[in-house]
Amino acid sequence: MRVLVAAVVLCGFVSGAYGAPSDKQLLDAVQQANSECRGLPPDEREEACQKRDQLVGRLTERGYCYGLKGQVGADMRWHRCGPRSQRLEDQP
């Protein structure tokens, strides 16, 4: 049931049904979708991962980046892009 509710909320963010979410709401939704994408059994994760990818696309359109160049993955966080930011298009 939790997954269904989260999917409905995420669909609203992706489709714009609730208007444009704030940056914080979008960041929270990405974190939730990423947790579900990584935590669900393989046969259930595809939809959650697609939602996460759509939300990440919206974050990058708003000027957010994940991590800094040369940073260890465990230390990476979402932030407003700057000159030292790791951009998604820079990743292999």
C-alpha atoms as a PDB file:
ATOM      1  CA  MET A   1       0.000   0.000   0.000  1.00  0.00           C
ATOM      2  CA  ARG A   2       2.856   2.414   0.868  1.00  0.00           C
ATOM      3  CA  VAL A   3       4.337   1.902  -2.583  1.00  0.00           C
ATOM      4  CA  LEU A   4       0.979   2.597  -4.231  1.00  0.00           C
ATOM      5  CA  VAL A   5       0.490   5.837  -2.279  1.00  0.00           C
ATOM      6  CA  ALA A   6       4.058   6.971  -3.063  1.00  0.00           C
ATOM      7  CA  ALA A   7       3.529   6.156  -6.748  1.00  0.00           C
ATOM      8  CA  VAL A   8       0.353   8.249  -6.849  1.00  0.00           C
ATOM      9  CA  VAL A   9       2.124  11.189  -5.194  1.00  0.00           C
ATOM     10  CA  LEU A  10       5.099  10.879  -7.535  1.00  0.00           C
ATOM     11  CA  CYS A  11       2.802  10.674 -10.558  1.00  0.00           C
ATOM     12  CA  GLY A  12       1.265  13.935  -9.431  1.00  0.00           C
ATOM     13  CA  PHE A  13       4.695  15.572  -9.280  1.00  0.00           C
ATOM     14  CA  VAL A  14       5.745  14.201 -12.657  1.00  0.00           C
ATOM     15  CA  SER A  15       2.497  15.106 -14.394  1.00  0.00           C
ATOM     16  CA  GLY A  16       2.137  18.473 -12.706  1.00  0.00           C
ATOM     17  CA  ALA A  17      -1.310  17.561 -11.411  1.00  0.00           C
ATOM     18  CA  TYR A  18      -0.689  19.470  -8.178  1.00  0.00           C
ATOM     19  CA  GLY A  19       1.073  22.422  -9.755  1.00  0.00           C
ATOM     20  CA  ALA A  20       4.798  22.875  -9.637  1.00  0.00           C
ATOM     21  CA  PRO A  21       6.278  21.381  -6.465  1.00  0.00           C
ATOM     22  CA  SER A  22       8.772  23.391  -4.466  1.00  0.00           C
ATOM     23  CA  ASP A  23      12.435  22.464  -4.740  1.00  0.00           C
ATOM     24  CA  LYS A  24      12.250  20.829  -1.301  1.00  0.00           C
ATOM     25  CA  GLN A  25       9.218  18.752  -2.287  1.00  0.00           C
ATOM     26  CA  LEU A  26      10.977  17.654  -5.452  1.00  0.00           C
ATOM     27  CA  LEU A  27      14.178  16.781  -3.554  1.00  0.00           C
ATOM     28  CA  ASP A  28      12.135  14.779  -1.034  1.00  0.00           C
ATOM     29  CA  ALA A  29      10.282  12.989  -3.835  1.00  0.00           C
ATOM     30  CA  VAL A  30      13.586  12.075  -5.535  1.00  0.00           C
ATOM     31  CA  GLN A  31      14.928  10.689  -2.263  1.00  0.00           C
ATOM     32  CA  GLN A  32      11.753   8.643  -1.687  1.00  0.00           C
ATOM     33  CA  ALA A  33      11.675   7.325  -5.255  1.00  0.00           C
ATOM     34  CA  ASN A  34      15.370   6.432  -5.082  1.00  0.00           C
ATOM     35  CA  SER A  35      14.813   4.493  -1.853  1.00  0.00           C
ATOM     36  CA  GLU A  36      11.975   2.568  -3.455  1.00  0.00           C
ATOM     37  CA  CYS A  37      13.938   1.990  -6.655  1.00  0.00           C
ATOM     38  CA  ARG A  38      16.823   0.525  -4.690  1.00  0.00           C
ATOM     39  CA  GLY A  39      14.755  -1.282  -2.066  1.00  0.00           C
ATOM     40  CA  LEU A  40      11.999  -3.005  -4.007  1.00  0.00           C
ATOM     41  CA  PRO A  41      12.308  -6.548  -5.357  1.00  0.00           C
ATOM     42  CA  PRO A  42      13.570  -6.656  -8.966  1.00  0.00           C
ATOM     43  CA  ASP A  43      10.140  -7.421 -10.437  1.00  0.00           C
ATOM     44  CA  GLU A  44       8.630  -4.313  -8.779  1.00  0.00           C
ATOM     45  CA  ARG A  45      11.378  -1.724  -9.118  1.00  0.00           C
ATOM     46  CA  GLU A  46      11.182  -0.701 -12.789  1.00  0.00           C
ATOM     47  CA  GLU A  47       8.288   1.738 -12.316  1.00  0.00           C
ATOM     48  CA  ALA A  48       9.847   3.295  -9.198  1.00  0.00           C
ATOM     49  CA  CYS A  49      13.180   3.723 -11.010  1.00  0.00           C
ATOM     50  CA  GLN A  50      11.470   5.352 -13.991  1.00  0.00           C
ATOM     51  CA  LYS A  51       9.680   7.791 -11.673  1.00  0.00           C
ATOM     52  CA  ARG A  52      12.980   8.584  -9.963  1.00  0.00           C
ATOM     53  CA  ASP A  53      14.641   9.248 -13.318  1.00  0.00           C
ATOM     54  CA  GLN A  54      11.813  11.583 -14.352  1.00  0.00           C
ATOM     55  CA  LEU A  55      12.080  13.478 -11.073  1.00  0.00           C
ATOM     56  CA  VAL A  56      15.867  13.721 -11.403  1.00  0.00           C
ATOM     57  CA  GLY A  57      15.326  15.205 -14.860  1.00  0.00           C
ATOM     58  CA  ARG A  58      13.102  17.876 -13.340  1.00  0.00           C
ATOM     59  CA  LEU A  59      15.720  18.651 -10.692  1.00  0.00           C
ATOM     60  CA  THR A  60      18.451  19.055 -13.301  1.00  0.00           C
ATOM     61  CA  GLU A  61      16.168  21.344 -15.316  1.00  0.00           C
ATOM     62  CA  ARG A  62      15.913  23.512 -12.190  1.00  0.00           C
ATOM     63  CA  GLY A  63      19.699  23.776 -11.973  1.00  0.00           C
ATOM     64  CA  TYR A  64      20.484  21.060  -9.435  1.00  0.00           C
ATOM     65  CA  CYS A  65      23.512  18.777  -9.531  1.00  0.00           C
ATOM     66  CA  TYR A  66      24.448  15.698  -7.529  1.00  0.00           C
ATOM     67  CA  GLY A  67      27.897  15.833  -5.985  1.00  0.00           C
ATOM     68  CA  LEU A  68      31.094  17.642  -6.811  1.00  0.00           C
ATOM     69  CA  LYS A  69      33.785  16.650  -9.309  1.00  0.00           C
ATOM     70  CA  GLY A  70      36.142  14.121  -7.732  1.00  0.00           C
ATOM     71  CA  GLN A  71      33.895  13.592  -4.708  1.00  0.00           C
ATOM     72  CA  VAL A  72      33.367  10.121  -3.232  1.00  0.00           C
ATOM     73  CA  GLY A  73      29.862   8.819  -3.953  1.00  0.00           C
ATOM     74  CA  ALA A  74      28.921   8.503  -0.275  1.00  0.00           C
ATOM     75  CA  ASP A  75      29.559  12.238   0.202  1.00  0.00           C
ATOM     76  CA  MET A  76      27.504  13.394  -2.800  1.00  0.00           C
ATOM     77  CA  ARG A  77      24.361  15.444  -2.171  1.00  0.00           C
ATOM     78  CA  TRP A  78      21.894  17.378  -4.322  1.00  0.00           C
ATOM     79  CA  HIS A  79      22.727  21.088  -4.501  1.00  0.00           C
ATOM     80  CA  ARG A  80      22.419  24.084  -6.807  1.00  0.00           C
ATOM     81  CA  CYS A  81      24.949  23.588  -9.592  1.00  0.00           C
ATOM     82  CA  GLY A  82      28.180  25.545  -9.413  1.00  0.00           C
ATOM     83  CA  PRO A  83      31.567  25.458 -11.154  1.00  0.00           C
ATOM     84  CA  ARG A  84      32.745  22.389  -9.202  1.00  0.00           C
ATOM     85  CA  SER A  85      29.485  20.452  -9.566  1.00  0.00           C
ATOM     86  CA  GLN A  86      29.257  16.997 -11.107  1.00  0.00           C
ATOM     87  CA  ARG A  87      26.662  17.291 -13.843  1.00  0.00           C
ATOM     88  CA  LEU A  88      24.697  14.269 -15.025  1.00  0.00           C
ATOM     89  CA  GLU A  89      25.881  14.768 -18.602  1.00  0.00           C
ATOM     90  CA  ASP A  90      29.514  14.564 -17.340  1.00  0.00           C
ATOM     91  CA  GLN A  91      29.009  11.103 -15.857  1.00  0.00           C
ATOM     92  CA  PRO A  92      29.985   7.985 -17.837  1.00  0.00           C
END
